[in-house]
Amino acid sequence: MKLQLESNNPGDYLAEIPGLIEFHTPKIREQIEIIQSQAKEPEARARMAFEVARDGIAHSFDSPTKEVSISAEETLARRQGICFAKSHLLAALLRGMGIPAGFCYQRVLRKGTPDSGFALHGLNALYLDGTGWFRVDPRGNKPGVNSQFSTTTEQLAYPIREELGEVDYPNVFIAPLPAVIHAMRTAKDCEELFFCRPESL
């Protein structure tokens, strides 16, 4: 897929977004320092950040928690969040290490069947010198979901089934979608958020 950048200025994908994507907050700063102490090259650092978001954060729909994490800092502090929160965390870690990162979305079936309705799913794109822009999905693996960090062959959480109405959007946004943030902020818990997520861009 040819990705469609919202901006051709890499600097736009390095900025903090107050209250959401901040990398000078205590937990994010601590995690960045850990990654930088263990990996020296940008690709290795990006891979470690991805693994923190994918494996170190429980997906709220897979776990019993009802608390809705939104910002990168609270997602890392609580160690839980849905796909959007995980993408916020990954973007903050990457941007904090000088690696441009943006936000991508897919329209997927909520429960895998046409009668379950649709919802947006959030993931990331990042830029590495020598590689260019590519997407990764920090959703978190489970039976039937196997997302991996790859600079060559994209391996995301969900195969998109266009024949069922699912959509793989090529956009790489500078900031999370306002409709996504609104849904996260207004849902009383994760159970409600499961059903009130936006259905499309």
N, C-alpha and C. Protein backbone atom coordinates (compact mmCIF):
# COMPACT_ATOMS: atom_id res chain seq x y z
N MET A 1 0.84 -1.20 0.00
CA MET A 1 0.00 0.00 0.00
C MET A 1 0.87 1.25 0.00
N LYS A 2 0.50 2.22 -0.83
CA LYS A 2 1.20 3.50 -0.84
C LYS A 2 0.57 4.40 0.21
N LEU A 3 1.33 4.74 1.23
CA LEU A 3 0.81 5.55 2.32
C LEU A 3 0.64 7.00 1.89
N GLN A 4 -0.37 7.66 2.42
CA GLN A 4 -0.66 9.05 2.10
C GLN A 4 -0.38 9.92 3.33
N LEU A 5 0.71 10.68 3.28
CA LEU A 5 1.10 11.51 4.41
C LEU A 5 0.24 12.76 4.49
N GLU A 6 -0.13 13.13 5.70
CA GLU A 6 -0.84 14.39 5.90
C GLU A 6 0.09 15.57 5.66
N SER A 7 1.38 15.36 5.94
CA SER A 7 2.38 16.41 5.75
C SER A 7 3.66 15.79 5.20
N ASN A 8 4.34 16.51 4.34
CA ASN A 8 5.62 16.04 3.82
C ASN A 8 6.79 16.53 4.67
N ASN A 9 6.50 17.22 5.75
CA ASN A 9 7.52 17.71 6.66
C ASN A 9 7.68 16.71 7.81
N PRO A 10 8.79 15.95 7.86
CA PRO A 10 8.97 14.97 8.93
C PRO A 10 8.85 15.57 10.32
N GLY A 11 9.20 16.86 10.45
CA GLY A 11 9.13 17.51 11.75
C GLY A 11 7.73 17.53 12.33
N ASP A 12 6.72 17.53 11.46
CA ASP A 12 5.35 17.53 11.95
C ASP A 12 5.02 16.24 12.69
N TYR A 13 5.75 15.18 12.36
CA TYR A 13 5.51 13.87 12.98
C TYR A 13 6.44 13.64 14.18
N LEU A 14 7.07 14.71 14.64
CA LEU A 14 7.95 14.62 15.81
C LEU A 14 7.43 15.45 16.99
N ALA A 15 6.37 16.19 16.76
CA ALA A 15 5.90 17.14 17.78
C ALA A 15 5.10 16.46 18.87
N GLU A 16 5.15 17.06 20.06
CA GLU A 16 4.27 16.64 21.14
C GLU A 16 2.86 17.18 20.89
N ILE A 17 1.87 16.46 21.38
CA ILE A 17 0.48 16.90 21.33
C ILE A 17 0.01 16.98 22.77
N PRO A 18 -0.16 18.17 23.29
CA PRO A 18 -0.45 18.33 24.73
C PRO A 18 -1.62 17.47 25.20
N GLY A 19 -1.38 16.78 26.29
CA GLY A 19 -2.40 15.96 26.91
C GLY A 19 -2.58 14.59 26.30
N LEU A 20 -1.91 14.34 25.17
CA LEU A 20 -2.06 13.05 24.49
C LEU A 20 -0.73 12.38 24.19
N ILE A 21 0.08 13.05 23.38
CA ILE A 21 1.34 12.49 22.92
C ILE A 21 2.46 13.37 23.46
N GLU A 22 2.89 13.07 24.66
CA GLU A 22 3.94 13.85 25.31
C GLU A 22 5.08 12.92 25.68
N PHE A 23 6.31 13.39 25.46
CA PHE A 23 7.45 12.52 25.77
C PHE A 23 8.39 13.12 26.81
N HIS A 24 7.94 14.18 27.47
CA HIS A 24 8.71 14.72 28.59
C HIS A 24 8.05 14.40 29.93
N THR A 25 7.02 13.59 29.91
CA THR A 25 6.35 13.16 31.14
C THR A 25 7.18 12.06 31.81
N PRO A 26 7.01 11.85 33.13
CA PRO A 26 7.93 10.97 33.87
C PRO A 26 8.04 9.54 33.34
N LYS A 27 6.92 8.85 33.15
CA LYS A 27 6.95 7.46 32.74
C LYS A 27 7.49 7.30 31.32
N ILE A 28 7.08 8.18 30.43
CA ILE A 28 7.55 8.11 29.05
C ILE A 28 9.05 8.38 28.99
N ARG A 29 9.49 9.40 29.71
CA ARG A 29 10.91 9.73 29.73
C ARG A 29 11.73 8.56 30.27
N GLU A 30 11.24 7.94 31.32
CA GLU A 30 11.95 6.79 31.92
C GLU A 30 12.04 5.64 30.92
N GLN A 31 10.95 5.37 30.20
CA GLN A 31 10.96 4.27 29.24
C GLN A 31 11.88 4.57 28.07
N ILE A 32 11.89 5.81 27.61
CA ILE A 32 12.79 6.19 26.52
C ILE A 32 14.25 6.00 26.94
N GLU A 33 14.57 6.38 28.15
CA GLU A 33 15.95 6.23 28.63
C GLU A 33 16.35 4.76 28.70
N ILE A 34 15.41 3.90 29.08
CA ILE A 34 15.69 2.46 29.10
C ILE A 34 15.98 1.95 27.70
N ILE A 35 15.13 2.33 26.75
CA ILE A 35 15.33 1.89 25.37
C ILE A 35 16.66 2.39 24.81
N GLN A 36 16.94 3.66 25.04
CA GLN A 36 18.17 4.24 24.49
C GLN A 36 19.42 3.65 25.12
N SER A 37 19.31 3.17 26.35
CA SER A 37 20.46 2.55 27.01
C SER A 37 20.73 1.15 26.48
N GLN A 38 19.71 0.53 25.88
CA GLN A 38 19.83 -0.86 25.42
C GLN A 38 19.98 -0.98 23.91
N ALA A 39 19.62 0.06 23.18
CA ALA A 39 19.70 0.02 21.72
C ALA A 39 20.27 1.33 21.21
N LYS A 40 21.19 1.25 20.27
CA LYS A 40 21.87 2.45 19.77
C LYS A 40 21.35 2.91 18.41
N GLU A 41 20.93 1.98 17.56
CA GLU A 41 20.48 2.33 16.22
C GLU A 41 18.98 2.62 16.21
N PRO A 42 18.54 3.54 15.34
CA PRO A 42 17.12 3.90 15.29
C PRO A 42 16.19 2.71 15.06
N GLU A 43 16.55 1.79 14.17
CA GLU A 43 15.67 0.65 13.93
C GLU A 43 15.52 -0.22 15.16
N ALA A 44 16.61 -0.46 15.86
CA ALA A 44 16.54 -1.26 17.09
C ALA A 44 15.73 -0.56 18.16
N ARG A 45 15.88 0.75 18.25
CA ARG A 45 15.09 1.51 19.22
C ARG A 45 13.61 1.49 18.87
N ALA A 46 13.31 1.62 17.58
CA ALA A 46 11.92 1.57 17.14
C ALA A 46 11.30 0.21 17.43
N ARG A 47 12.05 -0.83 17.19
CA ARG A 47 11.56 -2.19 17.47
C ARG A 47 11.27 -2.37 18.96
N MET A 48 12.17 -1.89 19.80
CA MET A 48 11.96 -2.02 21.25
C MET A 48 10.74 -1.23 21.70
N ALA A 49 10.56 -0.03 21.15
CA ALA A 49 9.39 0.78 21.49
C ALA A 49 8.11 0.06 21.08
N PHE A 50 8.12 -0.51 19.89
CA PHE A 50 6.99 -1.29 19.41
C PHE A 50 6.66 -2.44 20.35
N GLU A 51 7.68 -3.14 20.80
CA GLU A 51 7.46 -4.29 21.68
C GLU A 51 6.96 -3.86 23.05
N VAL A 52 7.38 -2.69 23.51
CA VAL A 52 6.83 -2.16 24.76
C VAL A 52 5.33 -1.94 24.62
N ALA A 53 4.92 -1.29 23.52
CA ALA A 53 3.51 -1.00 23.31
C ALA A 53 2.70 -2.27 23.02
N ARG A 54 3.26 -3.16 22.23
CA ARG A 54 2.53 -4.38 21.87
C ARG A 54 2.43 -5.36 23.03
N ASP A 55 3.58 -5.62 23.69
CA ASP A 55 3.64 -6.69 24.68
C ASP A 55 3.55 -6.22 26.13
N GLY A 56 3.97 -4.97 26.38
CA GLY A 56 4.01 -4.50 27.76
C GLY A 56 2.73 -3.86 28.24
N ILE A 57 1.80 -3.66 27.32
CA ILE A 57 0.53 -3.03 27.65
C ILE A 57 -0.60 -4.01 27.35
N ALA A 58 -1.38 -4.36 28.36
CA ALA A 58 -2.50 -5.27 28.15
C ALA A 58 -3.59 -4.58 27.36
N HIS A 59 -4.16 -5.27 26.38
CA HIS A 59 -5.27 -4.69 25.62
C HIS A 59 -6.53 -4.74 26.48
N SER A 60 -7.17 -3.58 26.64
CA SER A 60 -8.29 -3.47 27.56
C SER A 60 -9.48 -4.34 27.18
N PHE A 61 -9.61 -4.68 25.90
CA PHE A 61 -10.71 -5.55 25.49
C PHE A 61 -10.39 -7.02 25.74
N ASP A 62 -9.11 -7.32 25.99
CA ASP A 62 -8.71 -8.70 26.28
C ASP A 62 -8.63 -8.96 27.78
N SER A 63 -8.66 -7.90 28.57
CA SER A 63 -8.49 -8.02 30.02
C SER A 63 -9.74 -7.51 30.73
N PRO A 64 -9.89 -7.80 32.02
CA PRO A 64 -11.13 -7.44 32.72
C PRO A 64 -11.27 -5.96 33.08
N THR A 65 -10.25 -5.16 32.84
CA THR A 65 -10.31 -3.76 33.27
C THR A 65 -11.39 -2.98 32.53
N LYS A 66 -11.96 -1.99 33.20
CA LYS A 66 -12.95 -1.11 32.58
C LYS A 66 -12.40 0.30 32.38
N GLU A 67 -11.24 0.57 32.96
CA GLU A 67 -10.65 1.91 32.91
C GLU A 67 -10.19 2.25 31.50
N VAL A 68 -10.50 3.46 31.03
CA VAL A 68 -10.12 3.89 29.68
C VAL A 68 -8.86 4.73 29.76
N SER A 69 -7.76 4.21 29.23
CA SER A 69 -6.52 4.98 29.11
C SER A 69 -6.55 5.73 27.78
N ILE A 70 -6.05 6.96 27.79
CA ILE A 70 -6.08 7.76 26.56
C ILE A 70 -4.68 8.25 26.20
N SER A 71 -4.06 9.00 27.08
CA SER A 71 -2.75 9.57 26.76
C SER A 71 -1.66 8.51 26.83
N ALA A 72 -0.52 8.84 26.22
CA ALA A 72 0.62 7.93 26.26
C ALA A 72 1.09 7.69 27.70
N GLU A 73 1.14 8.76 28.49
CA GLU A 73 1.62 8.65 29.87
C GLU A 73 0.74 7.75 30.70
N GLU A 74 -0.58 7.93 30.64
CA GLU A 74 -1.45 7.11 31.48
C GLU A 74 -1.52 5.67 30.97
N THR A 75 -1.37 5.49 29.67
CA THR A 75 -1.34 4.13 29.13
C THR A 75 -0.15 3.36 29.68
N LEU A 76 1.00 4.00 29.71
CA LEU A 76 2.20 3.35 30.24
C LEU A 76 2.10 3.18 31.75
N ALA A 77 1.56 4.16 32.45
CA ALA A 77 1.44 4.07 33.91
C ALA A 77 0.49 2.95 34.32
N ARG A 78 -0.62 2.80 33.59
CA ARG A 78 -1.62 1.77 33.93
C ARG A 78 -1.30 0.41 33.33
N ARG A 79 -0.43 0.42 32.33
CA ARG A 79 -0.08 -0.80 31.61
C ARG A 79 -1.29 -1.46 30.96
N GLN A 80 -2.21 -0.63 30.51
CA GLN A 80 -3.38 -1.15 29.80
C GLN A 80 -3.95 -0.07 28.90
N GLY A 81 -4.61 -0.49 27.82
CA GLY A 81 -5.24 0.44 26.89
C GLY A 81 -5.69 -0.29 25.64
N ILE A 82 -6.65 0.28 24.92
CA ILE A 82 -7.07 -0.34 23.66
C ILE A 82 -6.09 0.05 22.56
N CYS A 83 -6.39 -0.33 21.33
CA CYS A 83 -5.47 -0.10 20.22
C CYS A 83 -5.09 1.37 20.09
N PHE A 84 -6.06 2.27 20.26
CA PHE A 84 -5.77 3.70 20.12
C PHE A 84 -4.75 4.14 21.17
N ALA A 85 -4.95 3.74 22.41
CA ALA A 85 -4.04 4.12 23.48
C ALA A 85 -2.64 3.56 23.24
N LYS A 86 -2.57 2.34 22.76
CA LYS A 86 -1.27 1.74 22.45
C LYS A 86 -0.57 2.50 21.33
N SER A 87 -1.34 2.95 20.34
CA SER A 87 -0.73 3.73 19.26
C SER A 87 -0.26 5.09 19.76
N HIS A 88 -0.99 5.65 20.74
CA HIS A 88 -0.55 6.92 21.33
C HIS A 88 0.77 6.73 22.06
N LEU A 89 0.87 5.64 22.80
CA LEU A 89 2.10 5.34 23.53
C LEU A 89 3.27 5.15 22.56
N LEU A 90 3.07 4.34 21.54
CA LEU A 90 4.16 4.08 20.60
C LEU A 90 4.61 5.37 19.92
N ALA A 91 3.67 6.21 19.52
CA ALA A 91 4.05 7.47 18.88
C ALA A 91 4.86 8.35 19.82
N ALA A 92 4.48 8.41 21.08
CA ALA A 92 5.22 9.23 22.04
C ALA A 92 6.64 8.71 22.24
N LEU A 93 6.79 7.41 22.35
CA LEU A 93 8.13 6.83 22.52
C LEU A 93 9.00 7.10 21.30
N LEU A 94 8.44 6.90 20.12
CA LEU A 94 9.21 7.11 18.90
C LEU A 94 9.57 8.59 18.72
N ARG A 95 8.59 9.45 18.85
CA ARG A 95 8.86 10.89 18.68
C ARG A 95 9.87 11.38 19.70
N GLY A 96 9.79 10.85 20.90
CA GLY A 96 10.72 11.25 21.94
C GLY A 96 12.14 10.82 21.66
N MET A 97 12.33 9.87 20.74
CA MET A 97 13.66 9.42 20.34
C MET A 97 14.04 9.97 18.97
N GLY A 98 13.26 10.96 18.48
CA GLY A 98 13.57 11.59 17.21
C GLY A 98 13.19 10.77 15.99
N ILE A 99 12.27 9.82 16.16
CA ILE A 99 11.80 8.98 15.05
C ILE A 99 10.40 9.44 14.66
N PRO A 100 10.21 9.97 13.45
CA PRO A 100 8.88 10.43 13.05
C PRO A 100 7.85 9.31 13.12
N ALA A 101 6.67 9.62 13.66
CA ALA A 101 5.61 8.61 13.79
C ALA A 101 4.26 9.29 13.62
N GLY A 102 3.35 8.58 12.96
CA GLY A 102 2.00 9.08 12.75
C GLY A 102 0.96 8.04 13.10
N PHE A 103 -0.29 8.38 12.81
CA PHE A 103 -1.43 7.57 13.22
C PHE A 103 -2.19 7.08 12.00
N CYS A 104 -2.49 5.79 11.98
CA CYS A 104 -3.20 5.16 10.88
C CYS A 104 -4.43 4.44 11.42
N TYR A 105 -5.38 4.17 10.52
CA TYR A 105 -6.63 3.54 10.95
C TYR A 105 -7.13 2.55 9.91
N GLN A 106 -7.85 1.58 10.41
CA GLN A 106 -8.56 0.61 9.58
C GLN A 106 -10.00 0.52 10.05
N ARG A 107 -10.89 0.21 9.13
CA ARG A 107 -12.29 -0.06 9.47
C ARG A 107 -12.45 -1.58 9.49
N VAL A 108 -12.74 -2.11 10.67
CA VAL A 108 -12.84 -3.56 10.83
C VAL A 108 -14.18 -3.93 11.46
N LEU A 109 -14.56 -5.18 11.28
CA LEU A 109 -15.75 -5.69 11.95
C LEU A 109 -15.48 -5.83 13.44
N ARG A 110 -16.41 -5.38 14.26
CA ARG A 110 -16.19 -5.38 15.71
C ARG A 110 -15.86 -6.78 16.24
N LYS A 111 -16.63 -7.76 15.82
CA LYS A 111 -16.43 -9.12 16.32
C LYS A 111 -16.15 -10.11 15.20
N GLY A 112 -15.77 -9.59 14.04
CA GLY A 112 -15.38 -10.47 12.96
C GLY A 112 -16.50 -10.95 12.06
N THR A 113 -17.74 -10.60 12.37
CA THR A 113 -18.87 -11.03 11.57
C THR A 113 -19.67 -9.81 11.11
N PRO A 114 -20.31 -9.89 9.93
CA PRO A 114 -21.01 -8.72 9.39
C PRO A 114 -22.11 -8.18 10.30
N ASP A 115 -22.73 -9.02 11.10
CA ASP A 115 -23.82 -8.54 11.96
C ASP A 115 -23.32 -7.84 13.22
N SER A 116 -21.99 -7.82 13.44
CA SER A 116 -21.45 -7.20 14.66
C SER A 116 -21.18 -5.71 14.49
N GLY A 117 -21.27 -5.20 13.26
CA GLY A 117 -21.01 -3.79 13.02
C GLY A 117 -19.53 -3.50 12.86
N PHE A 118 -19.23 -2.21 12.55
CA PHE A 118 -17.85 -1.81 12.26
C PHE A 118 -17.31 -0.86 13.34
N ALA A 119 -16.00 -0.80 13.43
CA ALA A 119 -15.33 0.15 14.31
C ALA A 119 -13.95 0.44 13.74
N LEU A 120 -13.44 1.62 14.04
CA LEU A 120 -12.07 1.92 13.65
C LEU A 120 -11.08 1.17 14.53
N HIS A 121 -9.98 0.80 13.93
CA HIS A 121 -8.85 0.18 14.64
C HIS A 121 -7.64 1.08 14.40
N GLY A 122 -6.88 1.35 15.46
CA GLY A 122 -5.75 2.26 15.35
C GLY A 122 -4.40 1.57 15.33
N LEU A 123 -3.48 2.10 14.53
CA LEU A 123 -2.12 1.60 14.46
C LEU A 123 -1.20 2.76 14.10
N ASN A 124 0.04 2.48 13.77
CA ASN A 124 1.02 3.55 13.54
C ASN A 124 1.77 3.37 12.24
N ALA A 125 2.31 4.47 11.75
CA ALA A 125 3.34 4.45 10.72
C ALA A 125 4.54 5.20 11.27
N LEU A 126 5.74 4.79 10.87
CA LEU A 126 6.95 5.47 11.32
C LEU A 126 7.94 5.57 10.18
N TYR A 127 8.89 6.46 10.35
CA TYR A 127 9.88 6.71 9.30
C TYR A 127 11.28 6.41 9.81
N LEU A 128 12.02 5.63 9.02
CA LEU A 128 13.42 5.36 9.30
C LEU A 128 14.24 5.68 8.06
N ASP A 129 15.38 6.33 8.24
CA ASP A 129 16.28 6.58 7.12
C ASP A 129 16.67 5.26 6.48
N GLY A 130 16.65 5.23 5.16
CA GLY A 130 17.01 4.02 4.43
C GLY A 130 15.85 3.08 4.22
N THR A 131 14.78 3.29 4.96
CA THR A 131 13.58 2.45 4.84
C THR A 131 12.40 3.23 4.33
N GLY A 132 12.24 4.45 4.83
CA GLY A 132 11.07 5.25 4.51
C GLY A 132 9.95 4.98 5.50
N TRP A 133 8.74 5.33 5.10
CA TRP A 133 7.57 5.13 5.96
C TRP A 133 7.06 3.71 5.85
N PHE A 134 6.69 3.13 6.98
CA PHE A 134 6.07 1.80 7.00
C PHE A 134 5.18 1.70 8.24
N ARG A 135 4.25 0.77 8.22
CA ARG A 135 3.27 0.66 9.30
C ARG A 135 3.59 -0.51 10.24
N VAL A 136 3.24 -0.32 11.48
CA VAL A 136 3.30 -1.38 12.49
C VAL A 136 2.04 -1.30 13.34
N ASP A 137 1.66 -2.40 13.95
CA ASP A 137 0.42 -2.47 14.70
C ASP A 137 0.69 -2.99 16.11
N PRO A 138 0.66 -2.10 17.12
CA PRO A 138 0.98 -2.52 18.49
C PRO A 138 -0.21 -3.08 19.27
N ARG A 139 -1.26 -3.52 18.57
CA ARG A 139 -2.48 -3.97 19.21
C ARG A 139 -2.26 -4.98 20.33
N GLY A 140 -1.34 -5.90 20.13
CA GLY A 140 -1.12 -6.96 21.10
C GLY A 140 -1.57 -8.29 20.54
N ASN A 141 -0.69 -9.28 20.59
CA ASN A 141 -0.99 -10.57 19.98
C ASN A 141 -1.82 -11.46 20.90
N LYS A 142 -2.55 -12.35 20.28
CA LYS A 142 -3.37 -13.35 20.96
C LYS A 142 -3.68 -14.41 19.91
N PRO A 143 -4.33 -15.51 20.26
CA PRO A 143 -4.67 -16.50 19.23
C PRO A 143 -5.42 -15.85 18.06
N GLY A 144 -4.89 -16.01 16.86
CA GLY A 144 -5.48 -15.42 15.68
C GLY A 144 -4.96 -14.04 15.33
N VAL A 145 -4.13 -13.46 16.19
CA VAL A 145 -3.54 -12.15 15.93
C VAL A 145 -2.03 -12.26 16.10
N ASN A 146 -1.30 -11.94 15.04
CA ASN A 146 0.16 -12.06 15.08
C ASN A 146 0.78 -10.86 14.37
N SER A 147 0.92 -9.76 15.08
CA SER A 147 1.48 -8.54 14.52
C SER A 147 2.98 -8.49 14.83
N GLN A 148 3.77 -8.13 13.84
CA GLN A 148 5.22 -8.11 14.01
C GLN A 148 5.81 -6.81 13.47
N PHE A 149 6.96 -6.44 14.00
CA PHE A 149 7.72 -5.29 13.50
C PHE A 149 8.53 -5.75 12.30
N SER A 150 8.28 -5.15 11.14
CA SER A 150 9.02 -5.51 9.93
C SER A 150 9.18 -4.29 9.05
N THR A 151 10.39 -4.06 8.58
CA THR A 151 10.65 -2.95 7.67
C THR A 151 10.48 -3.37 6.21
N THR A 152 10.20 -4.64 5.97
CA THR A 152 10.11 -5.14 4.60
C THR A 152 8.71 -5.64 4.26
N THR A 153 8.19 -6.58 5.03
CA THR A 153 6.88 -7.16 4.76
C THR A 153 5.93 -6.80 5.88
N GLU A 154 4.91 -6.01 5.56
CA GLU A 154 3.96 -5.56 6.58
C GLU A 154 3.23 -6.74 7.20
N GLN A 155 3.22 -6.79 8.53
CA GLN A 155 2.51 -7.86 9.25
C GLN A 155 1.71 -7.21 10.38
N LEU A 156 0.47 -6.87 10.06
CA LEU A 156 -0.40 -6.17 10.99
C LEU A 156 -1.33 -7.15 11.71
N ALA A 157 -2.11 -6.62 12.64
CA ALA A 157 -2.95 -7.47 13.48
C ALA A 157 -4.09 -8.11 12.71
N TYR A 158 -4.69 -7.34 11.77
CA TYR A 158 -5.90 -7.82 11.10
C TYR A 158 -5.75 -7.79 9.59
N PRO A 159 -6.00 -8.93 8.92
CA PRO A 159 -6.10 -8.90 7.46
C PRO A 159 -7.42 -8.24 7.07
N ILE A 160 -7.36 -7.26 6.19
CA ILE A 160 -8.56 -6.51 5.82
C ILE A 160 -9.33 -7.26 4.73
N ARG A 161 -10.61 -7.48 5.01
CA ARG A 161 -11.49 -8.20 4.08
C ARG A 161 -12.44 -7.21 3.42
N GLU A 162 -12.01 -6.72 2.28
CA GLU A 162 -12.79 -5.70 1.59
C GLU A 162 -14.17 -6.22 1.20
N GLU A 163 -14.28 -7.50 0.92
CA GLU A 163 -15.56 -8.07 0.52
C GLU A 163 -16.59 -8.03 1.65
N LEU A 164 -16.14 -7.83 2.88
CA LEU A 164 -17.04 -7.71 4.03
C LEU A 164 -17.24 -6.26 4.45
N GLY A 165 -16.67 -5.33 3.69
CA GLY A 165 -16.84 -3.92 4.00
C GLY A 165 -15.73 -3.32 4.84
N GLU A 166 -14.70 -4.10 5.15
CA GLU A 166 -13.57 -3.56 5.91
C GLU A 166 -12.70 -2.68 4.99
N VAL A 167 -12.03 -1.71 5.58
CA VAL A 167 -11.26 -0.73 4.80
C VAL A 167 -9.89 -0.53 5.44
N ASP A 168 -8.86 -0.54 4.60
CA ASP A 168 -7.50 -0.24 5.04
C ASP A 168 -7.17 1.16 4.55
N TYR A 169 -7.27 2.15 5.44
CA TYR A 169 -7.03 3.53 5.03
C TYR A 169 -5.53 3.80 4.89
N PRO A 170 -5.10 4.46 3.82
CA PRO A 170 -3.68 4.70 3.61
C PRO A 170 -3.14 5.93 4.33
N ASN A 171 -4.00 6.69 4.98
CA ASN A 171 -3.61 7.97 5.57
C ASN A 171 -2.65 7.80 6.74
N VAL A 172 -1.69 8.71 6.83
CA VAL A 172 -0.81 8.81 8.00
C VAL A 172 -1.03 10.18 8.60
N PHE A 173 -1.76 10.23 9.69
CA PHE A 173 -2.15 11.49 10.32
C PHE A 173 -1.09 11.96 11.31
N ILE A 174 -0.98 13.28 11.44
CA ILE A 174 -0.05 13.87 12.40
C ILE A 174 -0.53 13.66 13.83
N ALA A 175 -1.84 13.72 14.03
CA ALA A 175 -2.45 13.61 15.36
C ALA A 175 -3.56 12.58 15.33
N PRO A 176 -3.91 12.02 16.48
CA PRO A 176 -5.05 11.11 16.52
C PRO A 176 -6.32 11.79 16.05
N LEU A 177 -7.22 11.03 15.47
CA LEU A 177 -8.47 11.59 14.98
C LEU A 177 -9.29 12.19 16.12
N PRO A 178 -9.82 13.39 15.96
CA PRO A 178 -10.65 13.99 17.01
C PRO A 178 -11.84 13.12 17.41
N ALA A 179 -12.45 12.42 16.44
CA ALA A 179 -13.59 11.56 16.76
C ALA A 179 -13.18 10.40 17.65
N VAL A 180 -11.97 9.91 17.46
CA VAL A 180 -11.46 8.82 18.31
C VAL A 180 -11.26 9.33 19.74
N ILE A 181 -10.62 10.48 19.88
CA ILE A 181 -10.38 11.04 21.20
C ILE A 181 -11.70 11.35 21.90
N HIS A 182 -12.66 11.89 21.16
CA HIS A 182 -13.98 12.18 21.74
C HIS A 182 -14.63 10.91 22.28
N ALA A 183 -14.59 9.85 21.52
CA ALA A 183 -15.18 8.59 21.97
C ALA A 183 -14.50 8.07 23.23
N MET A 184 -13.18 8.19 23.28
CA MET A 184 -12.44 7.70 24.43
C MET A 184 -12.74 8.54 25.68
N ARG A 185 -12.89 9.83 25.49
CA ARG A 185 -13.11 10.72 26.64
C ARG A 185 -14.54 10.66 27.16
N THR A 186 -15.49 10.31 26.32
CA THR A 186 -16.89 10.32 26.74
C THR A 186 -17.41 8.95 27.16
N ALA A 187 -16.72 7.89 26.79
CA ALA A 187 -17.16 6.55 27.20
C ALA A 187 -16.96 6.39 28.71
N LYS A 188 -17.95 5.84 29.38
CA LYS A 188 -17.85 5.69 30.83
C LYS A 188 -16.91 4.55 31.21
N ASP A 189 -16.72 3.58 30.32
CA ASP A 189 -15.80 2.48 30.59
C ASP A 189 -15.46 1.80 29.26
N CYS A 190 -14.60 0.79 29.32
CA CYS A 190 -14.16 0.12 28.10
C CYS A 190 -15.28 -0.65 27.42
N GLU A 191 -16.23 -1.13 28.19
CA GLU A 191 -17.35 -1.85 27.60
C GLU A 191 -18.17 -0.92 26.70
N GLU A 192 -18.41 0.30 27.18
CA GLU A 192 -19.13 1.26 26.37
C GLU A 192 -18.29 1.70 25.18
N LEU A 193 -16.99 1.86 25.40
CA LEU A 193 -16.10 2.29 24.32
C LEU A 193 -16.06 1.27 23.19
N PHE A 194 -16.20 0.00 23.51
CA PHE A 194 -16.20 -1.03 22.48
C PHE A 194 -17.26 -0.76 21.42
N PHE A 195 -18.40 -0.24 21.85
CA PHE A 195 -19.52 -0.02 20.93
C PHE A 195 -19.63 1.41 20.42
N CYS A 196 -18.95 2.37 21.06
CA CYS A 196 -19.11 3.76 20.62
C CYS A 196 -17.91 4.29 19.85
N ARG A 197 -16.98 3.43 19.48
CA ARG A 197 -15.87 3.85 18.64
C ARG A 197 -16.38 4.30 17.27
N PRO A 198 -15.75 5.29 16.65
CA PRO A 198 -16.16 5.68 15.30
C PRO A 198 -16.11 4.48 14.35
N GLU A 199 -16.99 4.49 13.37
CA GLU A 199 -17.06 3.37 12.44
C GLU A 199 -16.19 3.57 11.21
N SER A 200 -15.84 4.82 10.91
CA SER A 200 -15.04 5.09 9.71
C SER A 200 -14.40 6.46 9.85
N LEU A 201 -13.50 6.78 8.93
CA LEU A 201 -12.85 8.10 8.93
C LEU A 201 -13.89 9.18 8.64
